[in-house]
């Protein structure tokens, strides 16, 4: 897949690179559920999982990204 997922999935990117371990683990877990494969809870692991996602998995990951945006707003956390 040849696209810049970090722009396409801004909230997952922010979580993956935000140095908040709990959020990185949550993002990796959600992506793992969407792909059906365990994801290493690191920025590199998330990067690899998203880059290797099928179009169907990517659609599920995009939904996760949108849901994270809503959830972070509910928690009053800035992007």
Foldseek 3Di string as FASTA:
>chain_A
DDDDVCVLLVQLVCQQPVPPQVSLCVLQVQLCVLQVHRFDSHSVSVVVSQVPGDPSSVVSSSVVSVVVVVVCVVVVHDD
